[in-house]
Structures are given as C-alpha cells and as structure tokens.
Amino acid sequence: MSITSAAICVAADELKGFVGFNAKTGRYIVRFSEDSFGLDIPDGSIVPCNEFVWLPFEGDLMTLDRSRLALLFEQHIDDRLNIGEPLRVYMRRSDLPAITAQRRIVA
C-alpha cells in the first residue's frame, strides 16, 4: 500500500490529545484533557496535538514538523494519540522533504 502526502496530512489532523509547555522543566507534556495540566502549564501554551505538529511556513502554508511529531512518538502511547501508519512512514522516510500544505478551518 502506498502512502500519499494527503494520507499523511489526514493522519496528522486525526491526532488526539493536548500538548502543553512546562516552563519549569523546559519540556512539552502530553495529556488527554485540558484540565489535566498542572499549574506549571499556562493555558495559552496548551494546544491540540493535531495543531501542535504543524508550524507556520508562509502565508496560509504550514509545514508538518518531524521534531514535534518525534515528541509525540517518544511518549510510546501511539493508540491513545492515534498515531497511524501514514505518520510512521513519514517519520521513517527522512530522505523525503517535509510536507508543506495549505490548511484552513472548514466550518
């Protein structure tokens, strides 16, 4: 089965959980509820995982960031985060350029 860029983008958008930055330890923390973060995590730093892995590029283009995906992979809770095979392929294929896509909210 061939994995396309579109399938990788869909898989990234289906990630679950929340990421918050702990300034005290200088590390990102993954939780599954916004309410589960402690006082060391400011509300403004809490983002859904599916947004955390995308970084602004130019205009309305965003890049799927492998280093941020790696932070999620390091948690070793793939099922809870909903990390699928397309994202695993993307991480294994570091010889391929980063995916850049136009993203916008669909209401």
PDB file of N, CA and C in Angstrom:
ATOM      1  N   MET A   1       0.838  -1.174   0.000  1.00  0.00           N
ATOM      2  CA  MET A   1       0.000   0.000   0.000  1.00  0.00           C
ATOM      3  C   MET A   1       0.885   1.240   0.000  1.00  0.00           C
ATOM      4  N   SER A   2       0.613   2.137  -0.900  1.00  0.00           N
ATOM      5  CA  SER A   2       1.400   3.355  -0.981  1.00  0.00           C
ATOM      6  C   SER A   2       0.766   4.435  -0.104  1.00  0.00           C
ATOM      7  N   ILE A   3       1.606   5.184   0.573  1.00  0.00           N
ATOM      8  CA  ILE A   3       1.152   6.261   1.452  1.00  0.00           C
ATOM      9  C   ILE A   3       1.376   7.581   0.726  1.00  0.00           C
ATOM     10  N   THR A   4       0.341   8.376   0.613  1.00  0.00           N
ATOM     11  CA  THR A   4       0.441   9.662  -0.077  1.00  0.00           C
ATOM     12  C   THR A   4       0.602  10.796   0.931  1.00  0.00           C
ATOM     13  N   SER A   5       1.016  11.943   0.426  1.00  0.00           N
ATOM     14  CA  SER A   5       1.111  13.135   1.270  1.00  0.00           C
ATOM     15  C   SER A   5      -0.252  13.483   1.860  1.00  0.00           C
ATOM     16  N   ALA A   6      -1.295  13.310   1.062  1.00  0.00           N
ATOM     17  CA  ALA A   6      -2.649  13.596   1.549  1.00  0.00           C
ATOM     18  C   ALA A   6      -3.013  12.689   2.722  1.00  0.00           C
ATOM     19  N   ALA A   7      -2.646  11.414   2.647  1.00  0.00           N
ATOM     20  CA  ALA A   7      -2.936  10.474   3.740  1.00  0.00           C
ATOM     21  C   ALA A   7      -2.160  10.854   4.999  1.00  0.00           C
ATOM     22  N   ILE A   8      -0.944  11.328   4.830  1.00  0.00           N
ATOM     23  CA  ILE A   8      -0.134  11.761   5.970  1.00  0.00           C
ATOM     24  C   ILE A   8      -0.765  12.988   6.614  1.00  0.00           C
ATOM     25  N   CYS A   9      -1.231  13.931   5.799  1.00  0.00           N
ATOM     26  CA  CYS A   9      -1.882  15.134   6.326  1.00  0.00           C
ATOM     27  C   CYS A   9      -3.154  14.785   7.088  1.00  0.00           C
ATOM     28  N   VAL A  10      -3.945  13.866   6.542  1.00  0.00           N
ATOM     29  CA  VAL A  10      -5.167  13.428   7.222  1.00  0.00           C
ATOM     30  C   VAL A  10      -4.816  12.778   8.554  1.00  0.00           C
ATOM     31  N   ALA A  11      -3.802  11.931   8.572  1.00  0.00           N
ATOM     32  CA  ALA A  11      -3.384  11.261   9.811  1.00  0.00           C
ATOM     33  C   ALA A  11      -2.924  12.280  10.853  1.00  0.00           C
ATOM     34  N   ALA A  12      -2.213  13.317  10.422  1.00  0.00           N
ATOM     35  CA  ALA A  12      -1.759  14.362  11.353  1.00  0.00           C
ATOM     36  C   ALA A  12      -2.959  15.111  11.931  1.00  0.00           C
ATOM     37  N   ASP A  13      -3.962  15.356  11.103  1.00  0.00           N
ATOM     38  CA  ASP A  13      -5.153  16.064  11.572  1.00  0.00           C
ATOM     39  C   ASP A  13      -6.028  15.213  12.486  1.00  0.00           C
ATOM     40  N   GLU A  14      -5.798  13.892  12.515  1.00  0.00           N
ATOM     41  CA  GLU A  14      -6.576  12.998  13.367  1.00  0.00           C
ATOM     42  C   GLU A  14      -5.880  12.675  14.693  1.00  0.00           C
ATOM     43  N   LEU A  15      -4.739  13.318  14.960  1.00  0.00           N
ATOM     44  CA  LEU A  15      -4.058  13.096  16.239  1.00  0.00           C
ATOM     45  C   LEU A  15      -4.945  13.556  17.389  1.00  0.00           C
ATOM     46  N   LYS A  16      -4.814  12.876  18.512  1.00  0.00           N
ATOM     47  CA  LYS A  16      -5.620  13.188  19.696  1.00  0.00           C
ATOM     48  C   LYS A  16      -4.723  13.624  20.837  1.00  0.00           C
ATOM     49  N   GLY A  17      -5.312  14.265  21.812  1.00  0.00           N
ATOM     50  CA  GLY A  17      -4.586  14.706  22.993  1.00  0.00           C
ATOM     51  C   GLY A  17      -4.211  16.171  22.902  1.00  0.00           C
ATOM     52  N   PHE A  18      -3.562  16.649  23.958  1.00  0.00           N
ATOM     53  CA  PHE A  18      -3.163  18.043  24.063  1.00  0.00           C
ATOM     54  C   PHE A  18      -1.701  18.114  24.480  1.00  0.00           C
ATOM     55  N   VAL A  19      -1.025  19.145  24.016  1.00  0.00           N
ATOM     56  CA  VAL A  19       0.371  19.370  24.375  1.00  0.00           C
ATOM     57  C   VAL A  19       0.464  20.716  25.073  1.00  0.00           C
ATOM     58  N   GLY A  20       1.175  20.741  26.164  1.00  0.00           N
ATOM     59  CA  GLY A  20       1.418  21.993  26.880  1.00  0.00           C
ATOM     60  C   GLY A  20       2.890  22.105  27.209  1.00  0.00           C
ATOM     61  N   PHE A  21       3.393  23.342  27.275  1.00  0.00           N
ATOM     62  CA  PHE A  21       4.809  23.546  27.566  1.00  0.00           C
ATOM     63  C   PHE A  21       4.984  23.861  29.041  1.00  0.00           C
ATOM     64  N   ASN A  22       5.790  23.053  29.717  1.00  0.00           N
ATOM     65  CA  ASN A  22       6.112  23.266  31.130  1.00  0.00           C
ATOM     66  C   ASN A  22       7.374  24.111  31.207  1.00  0.00           C
ATOM     67  N   ALA A  23       7.222  25.384  31.548  1.00  0.00           N
ATOM     68  CA  ALA A  23       8.359  26.305  31.597  1.00  0.00           C
ATOM     69  C   ALA A  23       9.339  25.926  32.704  1.00  0.00           C
ATOM     70  N   LYS A  24       8.838  25.352  33.770  1.00  0.00           N
ATOM     71  CA  LYS A  24       9.693  24.970  34.899  1.00  0.00           C
ATOM     72  C   LYS A  24      10.711  23.903  34.499  1.00  0.00           C
ATOM     73  N   THR A  25      10.261  22.905  33.738  1.00  0.00           N
ATOM     74  CA  THR A  25      11.161  21.823  33.318  1.00  0.00           C
ATOM     75  C   THR A  25      11.714  22.039  31.917  1.00  0.00           C
ATOM     76  N   GLY A  26      11.107  22.981  31.161  1.00  0.00           N
ATOM     77  CA  GLY A  26      11.545  23.227  29.793  1.00  0.00           C
ATOM     78  C   GLY A  26      11.170  22.109  28.841  1.00  0.00           C
ATOM     79  N   ARG A  27      10.076  21.389  29.144  1.00  0.00           N
ATOM     80  CA  ARG A  27       9.654  20.247  28.328  1.00  0.00           C
ATOM     81  C   ARG A  27       8.186  20.362  27.949  1.00  0.00           C
ATOM     82  N   TYR A  28       7.853  19.738  26.825  1.00  0.00           N
ATOM     83  CA  TYR A  28       6.463  19.610  26.426  1.00  0.00           C
ATOM     84  C   TYR A  28       5.869  18.404  27.128  1.00  0.00           C
ATOM     85  N   ILE A  29       4.599  18.511  27.518  1.00  0.00           N
ATOM     86  CA  ILE A  29       3.889  17.427  28.193  1.00  0.00           C
ATOM     87  C   ILE A  29       2.623  17.121  27.400  1.00  0.00           C
ATOM     88  N   VAL A  30       2.318  15.850  27.251  1.00  0.00           N
ATOM     89  CA  VAL A  30       1.101  15.424  26.548  1.00  0.00           C
ATOM     90  C   VAL A  30       0.092  14.923  27.574  1.00  0.00           C
ATOM     91  N   ARG A  31      -1.143  15.407  27.450  1.00  0.00           N
ATOM     92  CA  ARG A  31      -2.258  14.951  28.281  1.00  0.00           C
ATOM     93  C   ARG A  31      -3.455  14.740  27.381  1.00  0.00           C
ATOM     94  N   PHE A  32      -4.505  14.171  27.930  1.00  0.00           N
ATOM     95  CA  PHE A  32      -5.683  13.880  27.115  1.00  0.00           C
ATOM     96  C   PHE A  32      -6.889  14.705  27.512  1.00  0.00           C
ATOM     97  N   SER A  33      -6.666  15.663  28.396  1.00  0.00           N
ATOM     98  CA  SER A  33      -7.705  16.613  28.767  1.00  0.00           C
ATOM     99  C   SER A  33      -7.011  17.922  29.091  1.00  0.00           C
ATOM    100  N   GLU A  34      -7.600  19.026  28.691  1.00  0.00           N
ATOM    101  CA  GLU A  34      -7.013  20.325  29.023  1.00  0.00           C
ATOM    102  C   GLU A  34      -6.986  20.532  30.532  1.00  0.00           C
ATOM    103  N   ASP A  35      -7.911  19.898  31.237  1.00  0.00           N
ATOM    104  CA  ASP A  35      -7.996  20.062  32.690  1.00  0.00           C
ATOM    105  C   ASP A  35      -6.917  19.301  33.442  1.00  0.00           C
ATOM    106  N   SER A  36      -6.202  18.408  32.792  1.00  0.00           N
ATOM    107  CA  SER A  36      -5.234  17.566  33.492  1.00  0.00           C
ATOM    108  C   SER A  36      -3.847  18.197  33.619  1.00  0.00           C
ATOM    109  N   PHE A  37      -3.661  19.408  33.097  1.00  0.00           N
ATOM    110  CA  PHE A  37      -2.374  20.077  33.228  1.00  0.00           C
ATOM    111  C   PHE A  37      -2.296  20.763  34.586  1.00  0.00           C
ATOM    112  N   GLY A  38      -1.096  20.773  35.165  1.00  0.00           N
ATOM    113  CA  GLY A  38      -0.900  21.417  36.456  1.00  0.00           C
ATOM    114  C   GLY A  38      -0.705  22.918  36.328  1.00  0.00           C
ATOM    115  N   LEU A  39      -0.425  23.552  37.427  1.00  0.00           N
ATOM    116  CA  LEU A  39      -0.241  24.997  37.467  1.00  0.00           C
ATOM    117  C   LEU A  39       1.005  25.455  36.718  1.00  0.00           C
ATOM    118  N   ASP A  40       1.925  24.529  36.442  1.00  0.00           N
ATOM    119  CA  ASP A  40       3.159  24.883  35.736  1.00  0.00           C
ATOM    120  C   ASP A  40       2.958  25.036  34.232  1.00  0.00           C
ATOM    121  N   ILE A  41       1.751  24.759  33.751  1.00  0.00           N
ATOM    122  CA  ILE A  41       1.464  24.844  32.318  1.00  0.00           C
ATOM    123  C   ILE A  41       0.473  25.977  32.080  1.00  0.00           C
ATOM    124  N   PRO A  42       0.926  27.086  31.495  1.00  0.00           N
ATOM    125  CA  PRO A  42      -0.020  28.186  31.224  1.00  0.00           C
ATOM    126  C   PRO A  42      -1.052  27.779  30.178  1.00  0.00           C
ATOM    127  N   ASP A  43      -2.300  28.221  30.391  1.00  0.00           N
ATOM    128  CA  ASP A  43      -3.394  27.871  29.469  1.00  0.00           C
ATOM    129  C   ASP A  43      -3.067  28.221  28.022  1.00  0.00           C
ATOM    130  N   GLY A  44      -2.358  29.325  27.797  1.00  0.00           N
ATOM    131  CA  GLY A  44      -2.036  29.765  26.444  1.00  0.00           C
ATOM    132  C   GLY A  44      -1.084  28.845  25.705  1.00  0.00           C
ATOM    133  N   SER A  45      -0.414  27.944  26.424  1.00  0.00           N
ATOM    134  CA  SER A  45       0.536  27.040  25.761  1.00  0.00           C
ATOM    135  C   SER A  45      -0.087  25.683  25.444  1.00  0.00           C
ATOM    136  N   ILE A  46      -1.340  25.453  25.826  1.00  0.00           N
ATOM    137  CA  ILE A  46      -1.991  24.162  25.603  1.00  0.00           C
ATOM    138  C   ILE A  46      -2.641  24.161  24.226  1.00  0.00           C
ATOM    139  N   VAL A  47      -2.212  23.220  23.376  1.00  0.00           N
ATOM    140  CA  VAL A  47      -2.761  23.114  22.020  1.00  0.00           C
ATOM    141  C   VAL A  47      -3.094  21.655  21.719  1.00  0.00           C
ATOM    142  N   PRO A  48      -4.117  21.415  20.903  1.00  0.00           N
ATOM    143  CA  PRO A  48      -4.397  20.041  20.491  1.00  0.00           C
ATOM    144  C   PRO A  48      -3.204  19.473  19.720  1.00  0.00           C
ATOM    145  N   CYS A  49      -2.953  18.185  19.879  1.00  0.00           N
ATOM    146  CA  CYS A  49      -1.821  17.533  19.194  1.00  0.00           C
ATOM    147  C   CYS A  49      -1.873  17.745  17.688  1.00  0.00           C
ATOM    148  N   ASN A  50      -3.091  17.711  17.107  1.00  0.00           N
ATOM    149  CA  ASN A  50      -3.189  17.838  15.653  1.00  0.00           C
ATOM    150  C   ASN A  50      -2.818  19.233  15.164  1.00  0.00           C
ATOM    151  N   GLU A  51      -2.789  20.227  16.048  1.00  0.00           N
ATOM    152  CA  GLU A  51      -2.311  21.566  15.680  1.00  0.00           C
ATOM    153  C   GLU A  51      -0.838  21.731  16.042  1.00  0.00           C
ATOM    154  N   PHE A  52      -0.413  21.069  17.107  1.00  0.00           N
ATOM    155  CA  PHE A  52       0.960  21.177  17.608  1.00  0.00           C
ATOM    156  C   PHE A  52       1.986  20.764  16.563  1.00  0.00           C
ATOM    157  N   VAL A  53       1.665  19.770  15.742  1.00  0.00           N
ATOM    158  CA  VAL A  53       2.640  19.221  14.792  1.00  0.00           C
ATOM    159  C   VAL A  53       2.802  20.069  13.521  1.00  0.00           C
ATOM    160  N   TRP A  54       1.954  21.079  13.332  1.00  0.00           N
ATOM    161  CA  TRP A  54       2.044  21.955  12.161  1.00  0.00           C
ATOM    162  C   TRP A  54       2.676  23.280  12.560  1.00  0.00           C
ATOM    163  N   LEU A  55       3.659  23.731  11.782  1.00  0.00           N
ATOM    164  CA  LEU A  55       4.308  25.022  12.029  1.00  0.00           C
ATOM    165  C   LEU A  55       4.034  25.966  10.860  1.00  0.00           C
ATOM    166  N   PRO A  56       3.816  27.256  11.155  1.00  0.00           N
ATOM    167  CA  PRO A  56       3.608  28.221  10.073  1.00  0.00           C
ATOM    168  C   PRO A  56       4.806  28.241   9.131  1.00  0.00           C
ATOM    169  N   PHE A  57       4.534  28.392   7.843  1.00  0.00           N
ATOM    170  CA  PHE A  57       5.587  28.443   6.842  1.00  0.00           C
ATOM    171  C   PHE A  57       5.558  29.795   6.151  1.00  0.00           C
ATOM    172  N   GLU A  58       4.676  30.000   5.189  1.00  0.00           N
ATOM    173  CA  GLU A  58       4.481  31.291   4.550  1.00  0.00           C
ATOM    174  C   GLU A  58       3.000  31.465   4.269  1.00  0.00           C
ATOM    175  N   GLY A  59       2.483  32.630   4.606  1.00  0.00           N
ATOM    176  CA  GLY A  59       1.069  32.879   4.363  1.00  0.00           C
ATOM    177  C   GLY A  59       0.215  31.853   5.073  1.00  0.00           C
ATOM    178  N   ASP A  60      -0.666  31.180   4.334  1.00  0.00           N
ATOM    179  CA  ASP A  60      -1.514  30.155   4.947  1.00  0.00           C
ATOM    180  C   ASP A  60      -0.942  28.747   4.768  1.00  0.00           C
ATOM    181  N   LEU A  61       0.334  28.676   4.402  1.00  0.00           N
ATOM    182  CA  LEU A  61       1.008  27.377   4.292  1.00  0.00           C
ATOM    183  C   LEU A  61       1.601  26.986   5.641  1.00  0.00           C
ATOM    184  N   MET A  62       1.559  25.688   5.916  1.00  0.00           N
ATOM    185  CA  MET A  62       2.140  25.159   7.149  1.00  0.00           C
ATOM    186  C   MET A  62       2.974  23.936   6.801  1.00  0.00           C
ATOM    187  N   THR A  63       3.947  23.645   7.656  1.00  0.00           N
ATOM    188  CA  THR A  63       4.836  22.501   7.460  1.00  0.00           C
ATOM    189  C   THR A  63       4.608  21.497   8.584  1.00  0.00           C
ATOM    190  N   LEU A  64       4.515  20.225   8.215  1.00  0.00           N
ATOM    191  CA  LEU A  64       4.385  19.157   9.194  1.00  0.00           C
ATOM    192  C   LEU A  64       5.767  18.907   9.792  1.00  0.00           C
ATOM    193  N   ASP A  65       5.920  19.226  11.060  1.00  0.00           N
ATOM    194  CA  ASP A  65       7.226  19.254  11.702  1.00  0.00           C
ATOM    195  C   ASP A  65       7.602  17.889  12.301  1.00  0.00           C
ATOM    196  N   ARG A  66       8.661  17.309  11.769  1.00  0.00           N
ATOM    197  CA  ARG A  66       9.105  15.991  12.248  1.00  0.00           C
ATOM    198  C   ARG A  66       9.589  16.038  13.696  1.00  0.00           C
ATOM    199  N   SER A  67      10.219  17.119  14.126  1.00  0.00           N
ATOM    200  CA  SER A  67      10.716  17.171  15.502  1.00  0.00           C
ATOM    201  C   SER A  67       9.557  17.191  16.501  1.00  0.00           C
ATOM    202  N   ARG A  68       8.462  17.844  16.137  1.00  0.00           N
ATOM    203  CA  ARG A  68       7.297  17.849  17.026  1.00  0.00           C
ATOM    204  C   ARG A  68       6.576  16.509  16.988  1.00  0.00           C
ATOM    205  N   LEU A  69       6.533  15.884  15.831  1.00  0.00           N
ATOM    206  CA  LEU A  69       5.983  14.526  15.764  1.00  0.00           C
ATOM    207  C   LEU A  69       6.820  13.580  16.618  1.00  0.00           C
ATOM    208  N   ALA A  70       8.135  13.761  16.585  1.00  0.00           N
ATOM    209  CA  ALA A  70       9.029  12.907  17.375  1.00  0.00           C
ATOM    210  C   ALA A  70       8.714  13.014  18.869  1.00  0.00           C
ATOM    211  N   LEU A  71       8.355  14.218  19.335  1.00  0.00           N
ATOM    212  CA  LEU A  71       7.979  14.379  20.748  1.00  0.00           C
ATOM    213  C   LEU A  71       6.772  13.516  21.090  1.00  0.00           C
ATOM    214  N   LEU A  72       5.828  13.431  20.160  1.00  0.00           N
ATOM    215  CA  LEU A  72       4.655  12.590  20.397  1.00  0.00           C
ATOM    216  C   LEU A  72       5.025  11.105  20.338  1.00  0.00           C
ATOM    217  N   PHE A  73       5.875  10.732  19.376  1.00  0.00           N
ATOM    218  CA  PHE A  73       6.304   9.333  19.243  1.00  0.00           C
ATOM    219  C   PHE A  73       7.042   8.874  20.497  1.00  0.00           C
ATOM    220  N   GLU A  74       7.806   9.768  21.116  1.00  0.00           N
ATOM    221  CA  GLU A  74       8.583   9.415  22.313  1.00  0.00           C
ATOM    222  C   GLU A  74       7.698   9.051  23.505  1.00  0.00           C
ATOM    223  N   GLN A  75       6.428   9.399  23.444  1.00  0.00           N
ATOM    224  CA  GLN A  75       5.511   9.088  24.542  1.00  0.00           C
ATOM    225  C   GLN A  75       5.163   7.593  24.598  1.00  0.00           C
ATOM    226  N   HIS A  76       5.314   6.897  23.456  1.00  0.00           N
ATOM    227  CA  HIS A  76       5.022   5.458  23.360  1.00  0.00           C
ATOM    228  C   HIS A  76       3.578   5.128  23.750  1.00  0.00           C
ATOM    229  N   ILE A  77       2.668   6.005  23.345  1.00  0.00           N
ATOM    230  CA  ILE A  77       1.238   5.764  23.562  1.00  0.00           C
ATOM    231  C   ILE A  77       0.514   6.009  22.231  1.00  0.00           C
ATOM    232  N   ASP A  78       1.012   5.333  21.210  1.00  0.00           N
ATOM    233  CA  ASP A  78       0.522   5.538  19.847  1.00  0.00           C
ATOM    234  C   ASP A  78      -0.996   5.404  19.720  1.00  0.00           C
ATOM    235  N   ASP A  79      -1.581   4.396  20.375  1.00  0.00           N
ATOM    236  CA  ASP A  79      -3.024   4.197  20.261  1.00  0.00           C
ATOM    237  C   ASP A  79      -3.796   5.373  20.850  1.00  0.00           C
ATOM    238  N   ARG A  80      -3.379   5.841  21.995  1.00  0.00           N
ATOM    239  CA  ARG A  80      -4.088   6.961  22.639  1.00  0.00           C
ATOM    240  C   ARG A  80      -3.925   8.250  21.835  1.00  0.00           C
ATOM    241  N   LEU A  81      -2.751   8.441  21.237  1.00  0.00           N
ATOM    242  CA  LEU A  81      -2.522   9.639  20.426  1.00  0.00           C
ATOM    243  C   LEU A  81      -3.112   9.507  19.027  1.00  0.00           C
ATOM    244  N   ASN A  82      -3.474   8.293  18.659  1.00  0.00           N
ATOM    245  CA  ASN A  82      -3.999   7.972  17.330  1.00  0.00           C
ATOM    246  C   ASN A  82      -2.933   8.145  16.247  1.00  0.00           C
ATOM    247  N   ILE A  83      -1.723   7.689  16.554  1.00  0.00           N
ATOM    248  CA  ILE A  83      -0.630   7.727  15.574  1.00  0.00           C
ATOM    249  C   ILE A  83      -0.804   6.534  14.640  1.00  0.00           C
ATOM    250  N   GLY A  84      -1.060   6.817  13.374  1.00  0.00           N
ATOM    251  CA  GLY A  84      -1.298   5.770  12.398  1.00  0.00           C
ATOM    252  C   GLY A  84      -0.089   5.508  11.518  1.00  0.00           C
ATOM    253  N   GLU A  85      -0.243   4.509  10.673  1.00  0.00           N
ATOM    254  CA  GLU A  85       0.840   4.095   9.790  1.00  0.00           C
ATOM    255  C   GLU A  85       1.335   5.217   8.863  1.00  0.00           C
ATOM    256  N   PRO A  86       0.462   6.083   8.321  1.00  0.00           N
ATOM    257  CA  PRO A  86       0.980   7.162   7.475  1.00  0.00           C
ATOM    258  C   PRO A  86       2.005   8.051   8.193  1.00  0.00           C
ATOM    259  N   LEU A  87       1.772   8.326   9.473  1.00  0.00           N
ATOM    260  CA  LEU A  87       2.739   9.153  10.210  1.00  0.00           C
ATOM    261  C   LEU A  87       4.024   8.377  10.505  1.00  0.00           C
ATOM    262  N   ARG A  88       3.911   7.085  10.747  1.00  0.00           N
ATOM    263  CA  ARG A  88       5.108   6.267  10.961  1.00  0.00           C
ATOM    264  C   ARG A  88       5.978   6.258   9.702  1.00  0.00           C
ATOM    265  N   VAL A  89       5.332   6.132   8.543  1.00  0.00           N
ATOM    266  CA  VAL A  89       6.061   6.159   7.273  1.00  0.00           C
ATOM    267  C   VAL A  89       6.747   7.506   7.093  1.00  0.00           C
ATOM    268  N   TYR A  90       6.031   8.586   7.370  1.00  0.00           N
ATOM    269  CA  TYR A  90       6.593   9.941   7.242  1.00  0.00           C
ATOM    270  C   TYR A  90       7.840  10.101   8.118  1.00  0.00           C
ATOM    271  N   MET A  91       7.784   9.561   9.317  1.00  0.00           N
ATOM    272  CA  MET A  91       8.930   9.674  10.221  1.00  0.00           C
ATOM    273  C   MET A  91      10.096   8.789   9.768  1.00  0.00           C
ATOM    274  N   ARG A  92       9.805   7.617   9.232  1.00  0.00           N
ATOM    275  CA  ARG A  92      10.876   6.727   8.761  1.00  0.00           C
ATOM    276  C   ARG A  92      11.555   7.276   7.513  1.00  0.00           C
ATOM    277  N   ARG A  93      10.816   7.964   6.669  1.00  0.00           N
ATOM    278  CA  ARG A  93      11.330   8.435   5.384  1.00  0.00           C
ATOM    279  C   ARG A  93      11.907   9.846   5.516  1.00  0.00           C
ATOM    280  N   SER A  94      12.947   9.984   6.298  1.00  0.00           N
ATOM    281  CA  SER A  94      13.581  11.295   6.489  1.00  0.00           C
ATOM    282  C   SER A  94      14.290  11.774   5.216  1.00  0.00           C
ATOM    283  N   ASP A  95      14.419  10.891   4.231  1.00  0.00           N
ATOM    284  CA  ASP A  95      15.020  11.282   2.958  1.00  0.00           C
ATOM    285  C   ASP A  95      14.060  12.133   2.118  1.00  0.00           C
ATOM    286  N   LEU A  96      12.778  12.116   2.473  1.00  0.00           N
ATOM    287  CA  LEU A  96      11.792  12.918   1.763  1.00  0.00           C
ATOM    288  C   LEU A  96      11.687  14.308   2.386  1.00  0.00           C
ATOM    289  N   PRO A  97      11.407  15.325   1.590  1.00  0.00           N
ATOM    290  CA  PRO A  97      11.269  16.672   2.155  1.00  0.00           C
ATOM    291  C   PRO A  97      10.052  16.761   3.073  1.00  0.00           C
ATOM    292  N   ALA A  98      10.060  17.758   3.932  1.00  0.00           N
ATOM    293  CA  ALA A  98       8.927  17.987   4.825  1.00  0.00           C
ATOM    294  C   ALA A  98       7.682  18.309   4.001  1.00  0.00           C
ATOM    295  N   ILE A  99       6.552  17.899   4.513  1.00  0.00           N
ATOM    296  CA  ILE A  99       5.280  18.184   3.843  1.00  0.00           C
ATOM    297  C   ILE A  99       4.860  19.595   4.194  1.00  0.00           C
ATOM    298  N   THR A 100       4.551  20.362   3.165  1.00  0.00           N
ATOM    299  CA  THR A 100       4.006  21.705   3.334  1.00  0.00           C
ATOM    300  C   THR A 100       2.629  21.707   2.705  1.00  0.00           C
ATOM    301  N   ALA A 101       1.644  22.227   3.457  1.00  0.00           N
ATOM    302  CA  ALA A 101       0.268  22.184   2.972  1.00  0.00           C
ATOM    303  C   ALA A 101      -0.456  23.472   3.342  1.00  0.00           C
ATOM    304  N   GLN A 102      -1.469  23.772   2.555  1.00  0.00           N
ATOM    305  CA  GLN A 102      -2.353  24.887   2.871  1.00  0.00           C
ATOM    306  C   GLN A 102      -3.413  24.351   3.812  1.00  0.00           C
ATOM    307  N   ARG A 103      -3.530  24.960   4.962  1.00  0.00           N
ATOM    308  CA  ARG A 103      -4.505  24.494   5.951  1.00  0.00           C
ATOM    309  C   ARG A 103      -5.441  25.631   6.297  1.00  0.00           C
ATOM    310  N   ARG A 104      -6.698  25.317   6.428  1.00  0.00           N
ATOM    311  CA  ARG A 104      -7.682  26.308   6.866  1.00  0.00           C
ATOM    312  C   ARG A 104      -8.821  25.583   7.566  1.00  0.00           C
ATOM    313  N   ILE A 105      -9.494  26.312   8.415  1.00  0.00           N
ATOM    314  CA  ILE A 105     -10.600  25.741   9.176  1.00  0.00           C
ATOM    315  C   ILE A 105     -11.812  25.635   8.264  1.00  0.00           C
ATOM    316  N   VAL A 106     -12.416  24.471   8.249  1.00  0.00           N
ATOM    317  CA  VAL A 106     -13.625  24.246   7.468  1.00  0.00           C
ATOM    318  C   VAL A 106     -14.792  24.204   8.447  1.00  0.00           C
ATOM    319  N   ALA A 107     -15.731  25.107   8.268  1.00  0.00           N
ATOM    320  CA  ALA A 107     -16.878  25.179   9.206  1.00  0.00           C
ATOM    321  C   ALA A 107     -18.047  24.384   8.711  1.00  0.00           C
TER     322      ALA A 107
END
